[in-house]
Amino acid sequence: MSGTEKTKARAEQAKGKAKEAMGRMAGNERMTADGHAAQAKGNARQDKEDVKDTFRRH
């Protein structure tokens, strides 16, 4: 996984977790959902890079 993509994925996951937690604390369902979506986007980015790494090794 390239360093910048790895960093972007982790940052997106952390941002999503924070936003989701803030949404839950505030009772804001939309913010909670947006945070969950950001986490999913970060996970997808990380998964994509993992697949790329797998193919590079072979």
PDB file of N, CA and C in Angstrom:
ATOM      1  N   MET A   1       0.853  -1.170   0.000  1.00  0.00           N
ATOM      2  CA  MET A   1       0.000   0.000   0.000  1.00  0.00           C
ATOM      3  C   MET A   1       0.896   1.230   0.000  1.00  0.00           C
ATOM      4  N   SER A   2       0.591   2.164  -0.857  1.00  0.00           N
ATOM      5  CA  SER A   2       1.398   3.370  -0.881  1.00  0.00           C
ATOM      6  C   SER A   2       1.170   4.154   0.405  1.00  0.00           C
ATOM      7  N   GLY A   3       2.205   4.830   0.826  1.00  0.00           N
ATOM      8  CA  GLY A   3       2.141   5.546   2.095  1.00  0.00           C
ATOM      9  C   GLY A   3       1.064   6.603   2.144  1.00  0.00           C
ATOM     10  N   THR A   4       0.905   7.364   1.059  1.00  0.00           N
ATOM     11  CA  THR A   4      -0.099   8.429   1.082  1.00  0.00           C
ATOM     12  C   THR A   4      -1.510   7.868   1.078  1.00  0.00           C
ATOM     13  N   GLU A   5      -1.753   6.820   0.323  1.00  0.00           N
ATOM     14  CA  GLU A   5      -3.078   6.216   0.302  1.00  0.00           C
ATOM     15  C   GLU A   5      -3.408   5.580   1.646  1.00  0.00           C
ATOM     16  N   LYS A   6      -2.413   4.967   2.259  1.00  0.00           N
ATOM     17  CA  LYS A   6      -2.602   4.364   3.576  1.00  0.00           C
ATOM     18  C   LYS A   6      -2.971   5.442   4.598  1.00  0.00           C
ATOM     19  N   THR A   7      -2.281   6.554   4.525  1.00  0.00           N
ATOM     20  CA  THR A   7      -2.543   7.662   5.431  1.00  0.00           C
ATOM     21  C   THR A   7      -3.934   8.234   5.200  1.00  0.00           C
ATOM     22  N   LYS A   8      -4.312   8.393   3.934  1.00  0.00           N
ATOM     23  CA  LYS A   8      -5.639   8.915   3.621  1.00  0.00           C
ATOM     24  C   LYS A   8      -6.732   7.997   4.151  1.00  0.00           C
ATOM     25  N   ALA A   9      -6.536   6.692   3.989  1.00  0.00           N
ATOM     26  CA  ALA A   9      -7.528   5.728   4.452  1.00  0.00           C
ATOM     27  C   ALA A   9      -7.689   5.802   5.963  1.00  0.00           C
ATOM     28  N   ARG A  10      -6.592   5.836   6.668  1.00  0.00           N
ATOM     29  CA  ARG A  10      -6.667   5.888   8.136  1.00  0.00           C
ATOM     30  C   ARG A  10      -7.263   7.200   8.629  1.00  0.00           C
ATOM     31  N   ALA A  11      -6.909   8.302   7.962  1.00  0.00           N
ATOM     32  CA  ALA A  11      -7.454   9.601   8.346  1.00  0.00           C
ATOM     33  C   ALA A  11      -8.965   9.623   8.132  1.00  0.00           C
ATOM     34  N   GLU A  12      -9.400   9.071   7.019  1.00  0.00           N
ATOM     35  CA  GLU A  12     -10.831   9.031   6.723  1.00  0.00           C
ATOM     36  C   GLU A  12     -11.570   8.170   7.746  1.00  0.00           C
ATOM     37  N   GLN A  13     -10.979   7.058   8.128  1.00  0.00           N
ATOM     38  CA  GLN A  13     -11.595   6.192   9.127  1.00  0.00           C
ATOM     39  C   GLN A  13     -11.698   6.915  10.471  1.00  0.00           C
ATOM     40  N   ALA A  14     -10.633   7.592  10.880  1.00  0.00           N
ATOM     41  CA  ALA A  14     -10.634   8.303  12.159  1.00  0.00           C
ATOM     42  C   ALA A  14     -11.639   9.451  12.147  1.00  0.00           C
ATOM     43  N   LYS A  15     -11.686  10.184  11.037  1.00  0.00           N
ATOM     44  CA  LYS A  15     -12.638  11.291  10.907  1.00  0.00           C
ATOM     45  C   LYS A  15     -14.067  10.762  11.012  1.00  0.00           C
ATOM     46  N   GLY A  16     -14.317   9.640  10.377  1.00  0.00           N
ATOM     47  CA  GLY A  16     -15.647   9.047  10.423  1.00  0.00           C
ATOM     48  C   GLY A  16     -16.030   8.599  11.813  1.00  0.00           C
ATOM     49  N   LYS A  17     -15.078   7.994  12.524  1.00  0.00           N
ATOM     50  CA  LYS A  17     -15.361   7.552  13.892  1.00  0.00           C
ATOM     51  C   LYS A  17     -15.693   8.734  14.789  1.00  0.00           C
ATOM     52  N   ALA A  18     -14.938   9.813  14.636  1.00  0.00           N
ATOM     53  CA  ALA A  18     -15.174  11.000  15.457  1.00  0.00           C
ATOM     54  C   ALA A  18     -16.541  11.610  15.145  1.00  0.00           C
ATOM     55  N   LYS A  19     -16.849  11.707  13.859  1.00  0.00           N
ATOM     56  CA  LYS A  19     -18.125  12.294  13.457  1.00  0.00           C
ATOM     57  C   LYS A  19     -19.295  11.437  13.929  1.00  0.00           C
ATOM     58  N   GLU A  20     -19.123  10.126  13.836  1.00  0.00           N
ATOM     59  CA  GLU A  20     -20.178   9.221  14.299  1.00  0.00           C
ATOM     60  C   GLU A  20     -20.386   9.374  15.807  1.00  0.00           C
ATOM     61  N   ALA A  21     -19.303   9.452  16.558  1.00  0.00           N
ATOM     62  CA  ALA A  21     -19.403   9.604  18.013  1.00  0.00           C
ATOM     63  C   ALA A  21     -20.066  10.930  18.383  1.00  0.00           C
ATOM     64  N   MET A  22     -19.698  11.999  17.680  1.00  0.00           N
ATOM     65  CA  MET A  22     -20.308  13.304  17.952  1.00  0.00           C
ATOM     66  C   MET A  22     -21.800  13.276  17.631  1.00  0.00           C
ATOM     67  N   GLY A  23     -22.154  12.612  16.545  1.00  0.00           N
ATOM     68  CA  GLY A  23     -23.557  12.497  16.177  1.00  0.00           C
ATOM     69  C   GLY A  23     -24.358  11.746  17.222  1.00  0.00           C
ATOM     70  N   ARG A  24     -23.770  10.693  17.752  1.00  0.00           N
ATOM     71  CA  ARG A  24     -24.464   9.928  18.802  1.00  0.00           C
ATOM     72  C   ARG A  24     -24.627  10.754  20.070  1.00  0.00           C
ATOM     73  N   MET A  25     -23.569  11.481  20.433  1.00  0.00           N
ATOM     74  CA  MET A  25     -23.647  12.306  21.640  1.00  0.00           C
ATOM     75  C   MET A  25     -24.704  13.396  21.499  1.00  0.00           C
ATOM     76  N   ALA A  26     -24.787  13.972  20.308  1.00  0.00           N
ATOM     77  CA  ALA A  26     -25.735  15.057  20.072  1.00  0.00           C
ATOM     78  C   ALA A  26     -27.129  14.541  19.733  1.00  0.00           C
ATOM     79  N   GLY A  27     -27.252  13.249  19.497  1.00  0.00           N
ATOM     80  CA  GLY A  27     -28.541  12.692  19.109  1.00  0.00           C
ATOM     81  C   GLY A  27     -28.902  13.033  17.671  1.00  0.00           C
ATOM     82  N   ASN A  28     -27.887  13.298  16.854  1.00  0.00           N
ATOM     83  CA  ASN A  28     -28.085  13.688  15.466  1.00  0.00           C
ATOM     84  C   ASN A  28     -27.864  12.468  14.571  1.00  0.00           C
ATOM     85  N   GLU A  29     -28.956  11.900  14.083  1.00  0.00           N
ATOM     86  CA  GLU A  29     -28.862  10.676  13.279  1.00  0.00           C
ATOM     87  C   GLU A  29     -28.133  10.903  11.961  1.00  0.00           C
ATOM     88  N   ARG A  30     -28.317  12.063  11.364  1.00  0.00           N
ATOM     89  CA  ARG A  30     -27.653  12.336  10.083  1.00  0.00           C
ATOM     90  C   ARG A  30     -26.141  12.392  10.252  1.00  0.00           C
ATOM     91  N   MET A  31     -25.677  13.056  11.299  1.00  0.00           N
ATOM     92  CA  MET A  31     -24.240  13.140  11.542  1.00  0.00           C
ATOM     93  C   MET A  31     -23.676  11.753  11.828  1.00  0.00           C
ATOM     94  N   THR A  32     -24.415  10.952  12.559  1.00  0.00           N
ATOM     95  CA  THR A  32     -23.999   9.581  12.848  1.00  0.00           C
ATOM     96  C   THR A  32     -23.868   8.794  11.549  1.00  0.00           C
ATOM     97  N   ALA A  33     -24.848   8.936  10.674  1.00  0.00           N
ATOM     98  CA  ALA A  33     -24.816   8.226   9.387  1.00  0.00           C
ATOM     99  C   ALA A  33     -23.671   8.727   8.509  1.00  0.00           C
ATOM    100  N   ASP A  34     -23.435  10.040   8.506  1.00  0.00           N
ATOM    101  CA  ASP A  34     -22.324  10.587   7.724  1.00  0.00           C
ATOM    102  C   ASP A  34     -20.991  10.052   8.227  1.00  0.00           C
ATOM    103  N   GLY A  35     -20.851   9.937   9.532  1.00  0.00           N
ATOM    104  CA  GLY A  35     -19.630   9.391  10.113  1.00  0.00           C
ATOM    105  C   GLY A  35     -19.436   7.941   9.735  1.00  0.00           C
ATOM    106  N   HIS A  36     -20.506   7.193   9.763  1.00  0.00           N
ATOM    107  CA  HIS A  36     -20.443   5.782   9.378  1.00  0.00           C
ATOM    108  C   HIS A  36     -20.062   5.662   7.900  1.00  0.00           C
ATOM    109  N   ALA A  37     -20.598   6.531   7.072  1.00  0.00           N
ATOM    110  CA  ALA A  37     -20.280   6.516   5.638  1.00  0.00           C
ATOM    111  C   ALA A  37     -18.810   6.857   5.403  1.00  0.00           C
ATOM    112  N   ALA A  38     -18.285   7.810   6.149  1.00  0.00           N
ATOM    113  CA  ALA A  38     -16.868   8.178   6.002  1.00  0.00           C
ATOM    114  C   ALA A  38     -15.966   7.011   6.398  1.00  0.00           C
ATOM    115  N   GLN A  39     -16.360   6.288   7.445  1.00  0.00           N
ATOM    116  CA  GLN A  39     -15.590   5.104   7.843  1.00  0.00           C
ATOM    117  C   GLN A  39     -15.608   4.060   6.739  1.00  0.00           C
ATOM    118  N   ALA A  40     -16.769   3.855   6.153  1.00  0.00           N
ATOM    119  CA  ALA A  40     -16.894   2.870   5.075  1.00  0.00           C
ATOM    120  C   ALA A  40     -16.044   3.270   3.876  1.00  0.00           C
ATOM    121  N   LYS A  41     -16.010   4.558   3.576  1.00  0.00           N
ATOM    122  CA  LYS A  41     -15.186   5.041   2.462  1.00  0.00           C
ATOM    123  C   LYS A  41     -13.706   4.797   2.748  1.00  0.00           C
ATOM    124  N   GLY A  42     -13.283   5.044   3.971  1.00  0.00           N
ATOM    125  CA  GLY A  42     -11.896   4.774   4.360  1.00  0.00           C
ATOM    126  C   GLY A  42     -11.572   3.296   4.293  1.00  0.00           C
ATOM    127  N   ASN A  43     -12.508   2.462   4.725  1.00  0.00           N
ATOM    128  CA  ASN A  43     -12.309   1.018   4.655  1.00  0.00           C
ATOM    129  C   ASN A  43     -12.196   0.555   3.206  1.00  0.00           C
ATOM    130  N   ALA A  44     -13.030   1.121   2.334  1.00  0.00           N
ATOM    131  CA  ALA A  44     -12.990   0.746   0.920  1.00  0.00           C
ATOM    132  C   ALA A  44     -11.658   1.149   0.297  1.00  0.00           C
ATOM    133  N   ARG A  45     -11.178   2.335   0.644  1.00  0.00           N
ATOM    134  CA  ARG A  45      -9.890   2.797   0.120  1.00  0.00           C
ATOM    135  C   ARG A  45      -8.772   1.856   0.568  1.00  0.00           C
ATOM    136  N   GLN A  46      -8.813   1.456   1.825  1.00  0.00           N
ATOM    137  CA  GLN A  46      -7.793   0.557   2.351  1.00  0.00           C
ATOM    138  C   GLN A  46      -7.881  -0.815   1.681  1.00  0.00           C
ATOM    139  N   ASP A  47      -9.092  -1.320   1.496  1.00  0.00           N
ATOM    140  CA  ASP A  47      -9.272  -2.609   0.835  1.00  0.00           C
ATOM    141  C   ASP A  47      -8.749  -2.572  -0.599  1.00  0.00           C
ATOM    142  N   LYS A  48      -9.014  -1.476  -1.294  1.00  0.00           N
ATOM    143  CA  LYS A  48      -8.542  -1.323  -2.672  1.00  0.00           C
ATOM    144  C   LYS A  48      -7.017  -1.397  -2.718  1.00  0.00           C
ATOM    145  N   GLU A  49      -6.365  -0.715  -1.808  1.00  0.00           N
ATOM    146  CA  GLU A  49      -4.902  -0.730  -1.778  1.00  0.00           C
ATOM    147  C   GLU A  49      -4.363  -2.104  -1.394  1.00  0.00           C
ATOM    148  N   ASP A  50      -5.063  -2.814  -0.527  1.00  0.00           N
ATOM    149  CA  ASP A  50      -4.651  -4.167  -0.156  1.00  0.00           C
ATOM    150  C   ASP A  50      -4.702  -5.102  -1.363  1.00  0.00           C
ATOM    151  N   VAL A  51      -5.738  -4.949  -2.187  1.00  0.00           N
ATOM    152  CA  VAL A  51      -5.852  -5.769  -3.395  1.00  0.00           C
ATOM    153  C   VAL A  51      -4.710  -5.439  -4.355  1.00  0.00           C
ATOM    154  N   LYS A  52      -4.416  -4.159  -4.507  1.00  0.00           N
ATOM    155  CA  LYS A  52      -3.303  -3.756  -5.372  1.00  0.00           C
ATOM    156  C   LYS A  52      -1.993  -4.380  -4.890  1.00  0.00           C
ATOM    157  N   ASP A  53      -1.779  -4.334  -3.577  1.00  0.00           N
ATOM    158  CA  ASP A  53      -0.553  -4.910  -3.012  1.00  0.00           C
ATOM    159  C   ASP A  53      -0.471  -6.401  -3.281  1.00  0.00           C
ATOM    160  N   THR A  54      -1.594  -7.087  -3.178  1.00  0.00           N
ATOM    161  CA  THR A  54      -1.624  -8.532  -3.420  1.00  0.00           C
ATOM    162  C   THR A  54      -1.195  -8.839  -4.846  1.00  0.00           C
ATOM    163  N   PHE A  55      -1.701  -8.074  -5.815  1.00  0.00           N
ATOM    164  CA  PHE A  55      -1.347  -8.319  -7.204  1.00  0.00           C
ATOM    165  C   PHE A  55       0.093  -7.924  -7.515  1.00  0.00           C
ATOM    166  N   ARG A  56       0.612  -6.936  -6.832  1.00  0.00           N
ATOM    167  CA  ARG A  56       2.004  -6.526  -7.048  1.00  0.00           C
ATOM    168  C   ARG A  56       2.981  -7.589  -6.587  1.00  0.00           C
ATOM    169  N   ARG A  57       2.593  -8.325  -5.558  1.00  0.00           N
ATOM    170  CA  ARG A  57       3.488  -9.351  -5.005  1.00  0.00           C
ATOM    171  C   ARG A  57       3.587 -10.580  -5.894  1.00  0.00           C
ATOM    172  N   HIS A  58       2.605 -10.790  -6.751  1.00  0.00           N
ATOM    173  CA  HIS A  58       2.596 -12.001  -7.572  1.00  0.00           C
ATOM    174  C   HIS A  58       3.066 -11.747  -8.962  1.00  0.00           C
TER     175      HIS A  58
END
